[in-house]
Amino acid sequence: MMGNSFPENAVQALAMLYLQSRDLSKKSPEEICDLYIDTLKRISNHEQGQKE
C-alpha cells in the first residue's frame, strides 16, 4: 500500500514553492503555518476565479 505524499496537488506545490522563495528565518513555526494556509487559500481562490 502506498502512503500519502506531499504535495498532493498543484495548489500545495505552488504554495510550498512560494514560501521557499521567502525569507522565513525570523518567522516562528506558527507564523510559517499561517503563511502556508493563507497562501493555499489565495492560490485556491485564484484558481477558482480562473475557472469561471
Protein backbone atom coordinates (compact mmCIF):
# COMPACT_ATOMS: atom_id res chain seq x y z
CA MET A 1 0.00 0.00 0.00
CA MET A 2 1.35 3.41 -0.95
CA GLY A 3 1.42 6.21 1.60
CA ASN A 4 0.35 9.77 1.13
CA SER A 5 2.88 12.03 -0.49
CA PHE A 6 3.39 15.76 -0.32
CA PRO A 7 2.41 17.73 -2.23
CA GLU A 8 -0.87 16.07 -3.05
CA ASN A 9 -1.85 18.62 -5.71
CA ALA A 10 -0.70 21.63 -7.69
CA VAL A 11 -2.04 24.14 -5.15
CA GLN A 12 0.07 22.64 -2.36
CA ALA A 13 3.11 22.54 -4.64
CA LEU A 14 2.71 26.18 -5.64
CA ALA A 15 2.21 27.26 -2.03
CA MET A 16 5.41 25.49 -1.00
CA LEU A 17 7.36 26.96 -3.91
CA TYR A 18 6.14 30.42 -3.00
CA LEU A 19 7.11 30.05 0.66
CA GLN A 20 10.52 28.64 -0.28
CA SER A 21 11.24 31.88 -2.12
CA ARG A 22 10.57 33.99 1.01
CA ASP A 23 12.91 34.76 3.88
CA LEU A 24 11.36 32.83 6.75
CA SER A 25 14.41 32.93 9.01
CA LYS A 26 12.77 35.28 11.52
CA LYS A 27 9.36 33.60 11.42
CA SER A 28 8.10 31.25 14.12
CA PRO A 29 6.72 27.84 13.15
CA GLU A 30 3.24 29.18 13.88
CA GLU A 31 3.78 32.15 11.56
CA ILE A 32 5.05 29.86 8.81
CA CYS A 33 1.99 27.66 9.26
CA ASP A 34 -0.27 30.72 8.99
CA LEU A 35 1.58 31.89 5.87
CA TYR A 36 1.23 28.46 4.28
CA ILE A 37 -2.51 28.27 4.99
CA ASP A 38 -3.05 31.84 3.75
CA THR A 39 -1.07 31.07 0.59
CA LEU A 40 -3.10 27.90 -0.03
CA LYS A 41 -6.32 29.90 0.27
CA ARG A 42 -5.08 32.66 -2.03
CA ILE A 43 -3.95 30.22 -4.72
CA SER A 44 -7.17 28.19 -4.45
CA ASN A 45 -9.30 31.33 -4.71
CA HIS A 46 -7.32 32.48 -7.73
CA GLU A 47 -7.64 29.07 -9.35
CA GLN A 48 -11.42 29.08 -8.79
CA GLY A 49 -11.68 32.55 -10.32
CA GLN A 50 -9.85 31.36 -13.41
CA LYS A 51 -12.37 28.53 -13.95
CA GLU A 52 -15.39 30.86 -14.07
